[in-house]
Amino acid sequence: MDTSVLIVDDEQEIRDSLSEVLTDEGFLTYTAENGKVALEMLEDLHYDIIISDIKMPELDGVTLLRKVKEQAPDTFVILITSYGSTETAIDAMRHGAIDYILKPIDFDELILRIKNVTLHKELLREVRFLRQEVSAQYNYEHIIGESIAMKNMYKLIDKVAPSTSTVLVAGRSGTGKELVARAIHARSERSHRPFVAINCGAIPDTLFESELFGYKKGAFTGASKDKDGVFKAAVGGTLFLDEVGEIPLQVQVKLLRVIEMREIKPLGSNTIIPINVRLIAATNRDLAKEVERGTFREDLYYRLNIIEIYLPALSERKDDIPLLVKHFINKYNGELKRRIIGVENEAMKSLVNYKWKGEVRELENFVERAVLLSDGDMISKADLPEKAQDSASSEFPDNLKEATRNFEKAHIVNILERHENDKAKAAEILGIGLSSLYRKVDDLGIDTDSE
């Protein structure tokens, strides 16, 4: 045991006896005859625990406690006194004492309490470490990409994360919207509080209210006990509503009220519960179009869409594909006990040119398969699914001018398809004038008549 303990008491007999007992128990023990000496010693060495008498000359125990909390807030203080009273105990605890015991000292009880304090300290260290791990994992480590589109997204995340504003993360299925939500949470002041994620597309219509808001025992058939909903579970932290476009209209009304009033009422209850939750929603749909169709409430859409973060599709950041492939190779080398060191040029060309309908999720599946099946230390074209093998030369030829033309055509087609041939919207996203888009559509031979 390497726990260090500083014993502070003006009676040498008590200092010596405590030091002997604690040393025998494996603690690193130090002694000081009063609070003033203890503070001087604290400047030279950190102590895990300080055991101090309250009544001492020079500097009393409560004053020492206050100064320790200023100088070394991670140090726990146990106060000892023969003048035990409720008022003294309350005052000591108010100023940060971890425990309080009376003279004459029961050594067995003191050792037990010190061991409990040591365990408490270790648990705090573990919690702090785990929080750092989670923060590092989701800050950006698992969002792979150095393209301009991704760098712009990182900048936006950095701006919105410290706020409490509702965020809407838009992007195709498989692009990693939950990773973006976790990155926002990890970089916010709520990072030490819960992050709760729920996939709205996986909830039956009849269960939406109970899943979101909870219910009381007897609220409906089968409700045999109280249950908290996800809003209650995420109090103080962040609630991530994935595929928010799947929420039924009748529930959208109640969700809007929760967002506006910051309170919930579980099913079967008359009690209003205030909630402090930061909301992040995600969708693979064009919610503006859903509003026009009448399948999504306009007022809820504007409540959710305070800030929109668009997660670009792979077709919009093809230069990130080699980085993603490398990341997934490293991941599956560890999981599958393989030693793949890279990808052959033809195989990489196939991966870059492939049309990723399943986005990053599909790419990860391809790489996992290739790592598992490869006979050598390099992934070859033959290790990829047949549908990917045929893409190597279909889209981008070696000639730079032709390759640029093909990429421009594919990119414009992708944007038009994503926004249902809305040319004004496509031109805005592409950063060009509407007339320029029409010229490019004609020049590149893009068919915009088919829906």
Protein backbone atom coordinates (compact mmCIF):
# COMPACT_ATOMS: atom_id res chain seq x y z
CA MET A 1 0.00 0.00 0.00
CA ASP A 2 1.46 3.39 -1.00
CA THR A 3 -1.16 5.65 0.63
CA SER A 4 0.57 8.52 2.43
CA VAL A 5 -0.87 9.78 5.73
CA LEU A 6 0.14 12.94 7.63
CA ILE A 7 -0.72 12.85 11.35
CA VAL A 8 -1.14 16.29 12.92
CA ASP A 9 -1.48 16.51 16.72
CA ASP A 10 0.15 18.58 19.45
CA GLU A 11 0.43 15.51 21.71
CA GLN A 12 3.53 13.49 20.84
CA GLU A 13 2.16 10.34 22.44
CA ILE A 14 -0.86 10.37 20.10
CA ARG A 15 1.35 11.14 17.06
CA ASP A 16 3.71 8.28 17.87
CA SER A 17 0.99 5.72 18.62
CA LEU A 18 -0.97 6.57 15.46
CA SER A 19 2.18 6.50 13.36
CA GLU A 20 3.15 3.08 14.71
CA VAL A 21 -0.29 1.56 14.14
CA LEU A 22 -0.68 2.95 10.60
CA THR A 23 2.88 2.00 9.62
CA ASP A 24 2.16 -1.57 10.71
CA GLU A 25 -0.90 -1.49 8.42
CA GLY A 26 1.30 -0.56 5.46
CA PHE A 27 0.65 3.18 5.23
CA LEU A 28 3.42 5.73 4.60
CA THR A 29 3.15 7.88 7.71
CA TYR A 30 4.44 11.36 8.53
CA THR A 31 3.87 13.54 11.61
CA ALA A 32 3.53 17.25 12.44
CA GLU A 33 3.11 18.84 15.88
CA ASN A 34 0.62 21.50 14.75
CA GLY A 35 -1.27 22.90 11.76
CA LYS A 36 1.39 25.46 10.88
CA VAL A 37 4.08 22.79 10.54
CA ALA A 38 1.65 20.62 8.55
CA LEU A 39 1.10 23.39 6.00
CA GLU A 40 4.86 23.86 5.62
CA MET A 41 5.25 20.10 5.03
CA LEU A 42 2.42 20.18 2.49
CA GLU A 43 4.43 22.58 0.35
CA ASP A 44 7.13 19.93 -0.11
CA LEU A 45 5.12 16.71 -0.34
CA HIS A 46 1.63 15.59 -1.36
CA TYR A 47 -0.33 13.54 1.18
CA ASP A 48 -3.32 11.34 0.33
CA ILE A 49 -4.86 11.71 3.80
CA ILE A 50 -4.35 14.11 6.69
CA ILE A 51 -5.49 13.07 10.19
CA SER A 52 -5.64 16.17 12.36
CA ASP A 53 -6.66 17.08 15.86
CA ILE A 54 -9.07 20.04 16.03
CA LYS A 55 -7.74 21.74 19.18
CA MET A 56 -4.09 22.74 18.56
CA PRO A 57 -1.83 25.77 19.17
CA GLU A 58 -0.55 27.88 16.26
CA LEU A 59 -3.25 26.67 13.84
CA ASP A 60 -6.38 24.69 14.74
CA GLY A 61 -7.69 21.70 12.78
CA VAL A 62 -10.64 23.41 11.08
CA THR A 63 -8.42 26.27 9.86
CA LEU A 64 -5.90 23.70 8.65
CA LEU A 65 -8.74 21.92 6.83
CA ARG A 66 -9.74 25.09 4.99
CA LYS A 67 -6.17 25.80 3.90
CA VAL A 68 -5.58 22.19 2.80
CA LYS A 69 -8.69 22.38 0.60
CA GLU A 70 -7.25 25.51 -1.03
CA GLN A 71 -3.73 24.19 -1.38
CA ALA A 72 -4.32 20.48 -2.06
CA PRO A 73 -8.00 19.84 -2.89
CA ASP A 74 -7.37 16.15 -3.67
CA THR A 75 -6.14 15.48 -0.12
CA PHE A 76 -8.75 14.00 2.23
CA VAL A 77 -8.88 15.26 5.82
CA ILE A 78 -10.10 13.32 8.86
CA LEU A 79 -10.57 15.41 12.03
CA ILE A 80 -10.11 14.08 15.57
CA THR A 81 -11.38 15.79 18.70
CA SER A 82 -12.18 15.11 22.32
CA TYR A 83 -14.66 17.97 22.21
CA GLY A 84 -17.20 16.14 20.13
CA SER A 85 -20.46 17.86 19.39
CA THR A 86 -22.96 17.92 16.57
CA GLU A 87 -22.07 21.54 15.80
CA THR A 88 -18.35 20.78 15.54
CA ALA A 89 -19.00 17.78 13.28
CA ILE A 90 -21.31 19.74 10.99
CA ASP A 91 -18.81 22.60 10.76
CA ALA A 92 -16.00 20.19 9.90
CA MET A 93 -18.03 18.46 7.20
CA ARG A 94 -19.19 21.79 5.82
CA HIS A 95 -15.59 22.81 5.24
CA GLY A 96 -14.71 19.61 3.45
CA ALA A 97 -13.71 16.99 6.04
CA ILE A 98 -14.16 13.46 4.72
CA ASP A 99 -14.71 12.01 8.20
CA TYR A 100 -14.78 12.88 11.91
CA ILE A 101 -13.92 10.71 14.94
CA LEU A 102 -13.70 11.25 18.72
CA LYS A 103 -11.04 10.69 21.33
CA PRO A 104 -10.21 8.32 22.89
CA ILE A 105 -9.33 6.82 19.52
CA ASP A 106 -10.44 3.30 18.69
CA PHE A 107 -7.54 2.23 16.46
CA ASP A 108 -9.49 -0.57 14.74
CA GLU A 109 -12.27 1.87 13.86
CA LEU A 110 -9.76 4.48 12.64
CA ILE A 111 -8.00 1.94 10.39
CA LEU A 112 -11.34 0.84 8.94
CA ARG A 113 -12.31 4.43 8.20
CA ILE A 114 -8.94 5.20 6.60
CA LYS A 115 -9.27 2.12 4.38
CA ASN A 116 -12.76 3.28 3.37
CA VAL A 117 -11.38 6.71 2.51
CA THR A 118 -8.57 5.08 0.50
CA LEU A 119 -11.13 3.01 -1.43
CA HIS A 120 -13.22 6.12 -2.05
CA LYS A 121 -10.16 7.94 -3.37
CA GLU A 122 -9.33 5.06 -5.73
CA LEU A 123 -12.89 5.03 -7.05
CA LEU A 124 -12.69 8.76 -7.74
CA ARG A 125 -9.44 8.25 -9.63
CA GLU A 126 -11.02 5.46 -11.66
CA VAL A 127 -14.06 7.59 -12.50
CA ARG A 128 -11.79 10.46 -13.53
CA PHE A 129 -9.73 8.11 -15.71
CA LEU A 130 -12.83 6.62 -17.36
CA ARG A 131 -14.20 10.08 -18.09
CA GLN A 132 -10.91 11.03 -19.74
CA GLU A 133 -11.00 7.80 -21.76
CA VAL A 134 -14.55 8.44 -22.93
CA SER A 135 -13.71 12.05 -23.75
CA ALA A 136 -10.66 11.01 -25.77
CA GLN A 137 -12.59 8.24 -27.51
CA TYR A 138 -15.35 10.49 -28.73
CA ASN A 139 -13.67 13.87 -29.06
CA TYR A 140 -12.61 13.11 -32.65
CA GLU A 141 -10.57 9.91 -32.47
CA HIS A 142 -13.37 7.79 -33.99
CA ILE A 143 -14.47 10.40 -36.50
CA ILE A 144 -11.98 9.82 -39.27
CA GLY A 145 -11.44 12.45 -41.93
CA GLU A 146 -9.14 15.28 -42.97
CA SER A 147 -11.07 16.49 -46.01
CA ILE A 148 -12.25 20.09 -46.24
CA ALA A 149 -15.84 19.01 -45.62
CA MET A 150 -14.85 17.19 -42.41
CA LYS A 151 -12.62 20.01 -41.17
CA ASN A 152 -15.51 22.43 -41.59
CA MET A 153 -17.69 20.06 -39.59
CA TYR A 154 -15.09 19.87 -36.78
CA LYS A 155 -15.03 23.66 -36.57
CA LEU A 156 -18.80 23.76 -36.25
CA ILE A 157 -18.77 21.09 -33.53
CA ASP A 158 -16.19 23.12 -31.58
CA LYS A 159 -18.43 26.18 -31.77
CA VAL A 160 -21.69 24.53 -30.73
CA ALA A 161 -20.43 22.01 -28.14
CA PRO A 162 -20.06 24.47 -25.20
CA SER A 163 -23.62 25.76 -25.66
CA THR A 164 -26.91 24.19 -24.57
CA SER A 165 -28.58 24.75 -27.95
CA THR A 166 -30.42 21.90 -29.64
CA VAL A 167 -28.48 20.42 -32.57
CA LEU A 168 -29.79 18.53 -35.61
CA VAL A 169 -27.26 16.16 -37.19
CA ALA A 170 -28.19 15.38 -40.79
CA GLY A 171 -26.66 12.78 -43.05
CA ARG A 172 -27.24 9.46 -44.77
CA SER A 173 -27.54 6.24 -42.78
CA GLY A 174 -24.14 4.81 -41.95
CA THR A 175 -22.22 8.09 -41.97
CA GLY A 176 -21.67 8.12 -38.19
CA LYS A 177 -24.18 10.62 -36.82
CA GLU A 178 -24.04 9.19 -33.30
CA LEU A 179 -20.26 9.72 -33.24
CA VAL A 180 -20.87 13.39 -33.99
CA ALA A 181 -23.40 13.59 -31.16
CA ARG A 182 -20.97 11.93 -28.76
CA ALA A 183 -18.22 14.33 -29.84
CA ILE A 184 -20.48 17.29 -29.06
CA HIS A 185 -21.28 15.82 -25.64
CA ALA A 186 -17.63 15.00 -24.87
CA ARG A 187 -16.56 18.57 -25.63
CA SER A 188 -19.36 20.17 -23.60
CA GLU A 189 -19.64 21.07 -19.92
CA ARG A 190 -22.02 18.09 -19.63
CA SER A 191 -19.32 15.54 -20.47
CA HIS A 192 -19.29 14.18 -16.91
CA ARG A 193 -23.05 13.56 -17.03
CA PRO A 194 -24.99 10.84 -18.92
CA PHE A 195 -25.10 10.51 -22.70
CA VAL A 196 -28.28 8.58 -23.55
CA ALA A 197 -28.99 7.46 -27.13
CA ILE A 198 -32.24 6.07 -28.48
CA ASN A 199 -33.07 4.99 -32.03
CA CYS A 200 -36.55 6.31 -32.77
CA GLY A 201 -36.79 4.07 -35.83
CA ALA A 202 -36.68 0.96 -33.64
CA ILE A 203 -39.56 1.91 -31.31
CA PRO A 204 -43.12 0.69 -32.01
CA ASP A 205 -45.59 3.57 -32.26
CA THR A 206 -47.47 2.41 -29.16
CA LEU A 207 -44.35 2.56 -26.98
CA PHE A 208 -42.96 5.98 -27.93
CA GLU A 209 -44.42 7.94 -25.02
CA SER A 210 -43.40 5.42 -22.37
CA GLU A 211 -39.86 5.16 -23.79
CA LEU A 212 -39.41 8.92 -23.91
CA PHE A 213 -41.23 10.06 -20.78
CA GLY A 214 -41.51 6.94 -18.60
CA TYR A 215 -44.56 5.63 -16.79
CA LYS A 216 -46.01 4.87 -13.36
CA LYS A 217 -47.01 1.46 -12.11
CA GLY A 218 -50.50 0.57 -13.40
CA ALA A 219 -50.44 3.18 -16.19
CA PHE A 220 -51.35 0.43 -18.67
CA THR A 221 -51.60 -3.35 -18.86
CA GLY A 222 -48.19 -4.81 -18.10
CA ALA A 223 -46.88 -1.74 -16.24
CA SER A 224 -46.01 -3.68 -13.09
CA LYS A 225 -43.57 -1.07 -11.75
CA ASP A 226 -42.44 2.51 -12.30
CA LYS A 227 -40.02 3.10 -15.17
CA ASP A 228 -38.00 6.20 -16.07
CA GLY A 229 -37.95 7.31 -19.70
CA VAL A 230 -34.85 8.42 -21.57
CA PHE A 231 -35.41 12.08 -20.70
CA LYS A 232 -35.21 11.26 -16.99
CA ALA A 233 -32.20 9.00 -17.57
CA ALA A 234 -30.33 11.82 -19.33
CA VAL A 235 -30.95 14.53 -16.71
CA GLY A 236 -27.95 16.84 -16.50
CA GLY A 237 -26.46 15.33 -19.65
CA THR A 238 -27.29 14.84 -23.32
CA LEU A 239 -30.16 12.96 -24.99
CA PHE A 240 -29.53 11.78 -28.55
CA LEU A 241 -32.68 11.07 -30.57
CA ASP A 242 -31.51 9.15 -33.64
CA GLU A 243 -33.79 9.03 -36.69
CA VAL A 244 -36.07 11.65 -35.14
CA GLY A 245 -38.11 11.75 -38.35
CA GLU A 246 -39.65 8.41 -37.35
CA ILE A 247 -41.50 9.87 -34.34
CA PRO A 248 -45.31 9.72 -34.89
CA LEU A 249 -47.18 13.01 -35.22
CA GLN A 250 -49.17 12.52 -32.01
CA VAL A 251 -45.92 12.13 -30.05
CA GLN A 252 -44.27 15.06 -31.84
CA VAL A 253 -46.77 17.38 -30.14
CA LYS A 254 -45.73 16.16 -26.69
CA LEU A 255 -42.03 16.25 -27.57
CA LEU A 256 -42.40 19.88 -28.64
CA ARG A 257 -43.96 20.73 -25.27
CA VAL A 258 -41.12 18.99 -23.43
CA ILE A 259 -38.55 21.02 -25.36
CA GLU A 260 -40.38 24.30 -24.76
CA MET A 261 -41.35 23.78 -21.11
CA ARG A 262 -38.35 21.66 -20.05
CA GLU A 263 -40.56 19.32 -18.11
CA ILE A 264 -42.07 15.86 -18.54
CA LYS A 265 -45.08 13.98 -17.17
CA PRO A 266 -44.74 10.18 -17.09
CA LEU A 267 -47.70 8.14 -18.30
CA GLY A 268 -50.17 7.53 -15.50
CA SER A 269 -48.77 10.34 -13.35
CA ASN A 270 -50.05 13.78 -12.45
CA THR A 271 -46.61 14.93 -11.32
CA ILE A 272 -44.67 17.35 -13.52
CA ILE A 273 -40.93 16.65 -13.46
CA PRO A 274 -38.54 19.46 -14.48
CA ILE A 275 -35.66 18.28 -16.65
CA ASN A 276 -32.29 19.71 -17.60
CA VAL A 277 -31.28 17.90 -20.78
CA ARG A 278 -29.34 18.98 -23.86
CA LEU A 279 -31.05 17.54 -26.95
CA ILE A 280 -29.28 16.35 -30.08
CA ALA A 281 -31.42 14.88 -32.86
CA ALA A 282 -30.36 13.10 -36.03
CA THR A 283 -32.06 12.21 -39.27
CA ASN A 284 -31.33 10.68 -42.66
CA ARG A 285 -34.43 12.34 -44.07
CA ASP A 286 -34.95 15.81 -45.49
CA LEU A 287 -37.14 17.08 -42.65
CA ALA A 288 -38.03 20.23 -44.57
CA LYS A 289 -39.60 18.00 -47.23
CA GLU A 290 -41.35 15.99 -44.51
CA VAL A 291 -42.83 19.24 -43.19
CA GLU A 292 -44.18 20.03 -46.66
CA ARG A 293 -45.71 16.55 -46.87
CA GLY A 294 -47.34 16.98 -43.47
CA THR A 295 -45.52 14.06 -41.85
CA PHE A 296 -43.39 16.23 -39.54
CA ARG A 297 -44.53 19.23 -37.51
CA GLU A 298 -43.10 22.52 -38.69
CA ASP A 299 -42.88 23.98 -35.15
CA LEU A 300 -40.96 20.92 -33.92
CA TYR A 301 -38.65 21.07 -36.95
CA TYR A 302 -37.65 24.64 -36.11
CA ARG A 303 -37.19 23.75 -32.44
CA LEU A 304 -34.83 20.92 -33.35
CA ASN A 305 -33.03 22.71 -36.14
CA ILE A 306 -31.49 25.53 -34.08
CA ILE A 307 -28.10 24.43 -35.41
CA GLU A 308 -27.72 21.88 -38.20
CA ILE A 309 -24.55 19.87 -38.64
CA TYR A 310 -24.36 18.03 -41.93
CA LEU A 311 -22.24 14.88 -41.98
CA PRO A 312 -20.98 14.52 -45.56
CA ALA A 313 -21.43 11.29 -47.48
CA LEU A 314 -18.36 9.33 -48.62
CA SER A 315 -18.98 10.49 -52.18
CA GLU A 316 -18.35 14.04 -50.94
CA ARG A 317 -15.07 13.18 -49.19
CA LYS A 318 -13.46 10.41 -51.21
CA ASP A 319 -9.99 11.54 -50.15
CA ASP A 320 -10.89 10.37 -46.63
CA ILE A 321 -11.45 6.78 -47.76
CA PRO A 322 -7.75 5.74 -47.45
CA LEU A 323 -7.70 7.13 -43.87
CA LEU A 324 -10.86 5.19 -43.01
CA VAL A 325 -9.48 2.01 -44.55
CA LYS A 326 -6.28 2.32 -42.51
CA HIS A 327 -8.31 2.89 -39.33
CA PHE A 328 -10.48 -0.19 -39.92
CA ILE A 329 -7.45 -2.35 -40.81
CA ASN A 330 -5.88 -1.44 -37.46
CA LYS A 331 -9.16 -2.16 -35.68
CA TYR A 332 -9.70 -5.60 -37.22
CA ASN A 333 -6.05 -6.59 -37.05
CA GLY A 334 -6.53 -6.42 -33.29
CA GLU A 335 -9.94 -8.09 -33.19
CA LEU A 336 -9.19 -10.85 -35.72
CA LYS A 337 -5.51 -11.42 -34.74
CA ARG A 338 -4.26 -10.54 -38.25
CA ARG A 339 -1.24 -8.57 -39.49
CA ILE A 340 -2.43 -6.73 -42.57
CA ILE A 341 -0.07 -3.84 -43.31
CA GLY A 342 -1.87 -2.10 -46.17
CA VAL A 343 -3.90 -2.19 -49.38
CA GLU A 344 -2.67 -2.79 -52.92
CA ASN A 345 -3.15 0.11 -55.35
CA GLU A 346 -5.82 -1.60 -57.46
CA ALA A 347 -7.80 -2.56 -54.38
CA MET A 348 -7.63 0.99 -53.02
CA LYS A 349 -8.71 2.34 -56.40
CA SER A 350 -11.73 0.04 -56.26
CA LEU A 351 -12.63 1.23 -52.78
CA VAL A 352 -12.29 4.93 -53.68
CA ASN A 353 -14.43 4.57 -56.81
CA TYR A 354 -17.12 2.35 -55.31
CA LYS A 355 -20.56 3.94 -54.77
CA TRP A 356 -21.05 3.57 -51.04
CA LYS A 357 -24.80 3.27 -50.57
CA GLY A 358 -24.18 2.03 -47.02
CA GLU A 359 -21.64 4.78 -46.33
CA VAL A 360 -18.92 4.29 -43.67
CA ARG A 361 -20.74 1.31 -42.17
CA GLU A 362 -20.55 -0.53 -45.50
CA LEU A 363 -16.88 0.41 -45.94
CA GLU A 364 -16.10 -1.00 -42.49
CA ASN A 365 -17.84 -4.27 -43.41
CA PHE A 366 -15.77 -4.52 -46.60
CA VAL A 367 -12.51 -3.97 -44.72
CA GLU A 368 -13.41 -6.47 -41.98
CA ARG A 369 -14.16 -9.07 -44.65
CA ALA A 370 -10.92 -8.33 -46.53
CA VAL A 371 -8.78 -8.48 -43.37
CA LEU A 372 -10.30 -11.86 -42.53
CA LEU A 373 -9.98 -13.37 -46.02
CA SER A 374 -6.62 -11.98 -47.18
CA ASP A 375 -3.91 -14.64 -47.62
CA GLY A 376 -1.04 -12.15 -47.54
CA ASP A 377 -0.11 -9.05 -45.60
CA MET A 378 -1.69 -6.71 -48.18
CA ILE A 379 -5.37 -6.51 -49.10
CA SER A 380 -5.72 -7.23 -52.80
CA LYS A 381 -8.53 -6.53 -55.21
CA ALA A 382 -9.51 -10.21 -55.04
CA ASP A 383 -10.16 -9.86 -51.29
CA LEU A 384 -12.99 -7.39 -51.95
CA PRO A 385 -16.59 -8.33 -52.83
CA GLU A 386 -17.15 -8.70 -56.58
CA LYS A 387 -19.35 -5.61 -56.75
CA ALA A 388 -16.43 -3.52 -55.46
CA GLN A 389 -13.86 -5.15 -57.75
CA ASP A 390 -15.69 -3.85 -60.82
CA SER A 391 -15.53 -0.22 -59.70
CA ALA A 392 -11.80 0.37 -60.13
CA SER A 393 -11.95 1.68 -63.68
CA SER A 394 -15.63 2.44 -64.09
CA GLU A 395 -15.65 5.96 -62.70
CA PHE A 396 -12.25 7.63 -62.79
CA PRO A 397 -9.80 7.12 -65.67
CA ASP A 398 -6.08 7.88 -65.34
CA ASN A 399 -6.33 11.07 -67.40
CA LEU A 400 -6.66 13.93 -64.91
CA LYS A 401 -9.02 16.05 -67.03
CA GLU A 402 -11.37 13.13 -67.66
CA ALA A 403 -11.20 12.01 -64.03
CA THR A 404 -12.05 15.54 -62.84
CA ARG A 405 -15.00 15.70 -65.23
CA ASN A 406 -16.28 12.31 -64.07
CA PHE A 407 -15.97 13.27 -60.41
CA GLU A 408 -17.76 16.58 -60.98
CA LYS A 409 -20.61 14.77 -62.74
CA ALA A 410 -20.91 12.13 -60.00
CA HIS A 411 -20.85 14.78 -57.27
CA ILE A 412 -23.56 16.93 -58.88
CA VAL A 413 -25.74 13.86 -59.49
CA ASN A 414 -25.34 12.89 -55.85
CA ILE A 415 -26.38 16.33 -54.57
CA LEU A 416 -29.37 16.45 -56.93
CA GLU A 417 -30.51 12.98 -55.89
CA ARG A 418 -30.18 13.82 -52.22
CA HIS A 419 -32.40 16.87 -52.62
CA GLU A 420 -34.88 15.33 -55.05
CA ASN A 421 -33.69 17.34 -58.08
CA ASP A 422 -34.23 20.67 -56.30
CA LYS A 423 -31.77 22.62 -58.46
CA ALA A 424 -31.93 25.82 -56.43
CA LYS A 425 -31.05 23.91 -53.25
CA ALA A 426 -28.34 21.93 -55.07
CA ALA A 427 -26.76 25.11 -56.45
CA GLU A 428 -26.71 26.62 -52.95
CA ILE A 429 -24.97 23.53 -51.50
CA LEU A 430 -22.50 23.36 -54.40
CA GLY A 431 -21.66 27.02 -53.92
CA ILE A 432 -22.45 28.02 -57.49
CA GLY A 433 -25.14 30.09 -59.18
CA LEU A 434 -28.29 28.43 -60.48
CA SER A 435 -27.44 29.36 -64.07
CA SER A 436 -23.97 27.80 -63.63
CA LEU A 437 -25.59 24.59 -62.43
CA TYR A 438 -27.85 24.45 -65.49
CA ARG A 439 -24.80 24.90 -67.77
CA LYS A 440 -22.93 22.11 -65.99
CA VAL A 441 -25.95 19.79 -66.17
CA ASP A 442 -26.11 20.31 -69.95
CA ASP A 443 -22.34 20.10 -70.44
CA LEU A 444 -21.95 16.91 -68.41
CA GLY A 445 -25.04 15.22 -69.84
CA ILE A 446 -26.83 14.83 -66.53
CA ASP A 447 -30.41 13.59 -66.77
CA THR A 448 -32.52 15.62 -64.32
CA ASP A 449 -35.94 14.75 -65.73
CA SER A 450 -36.29 11.37 -63.99
CA GLU A 451 -37.40 11.38 -60.37
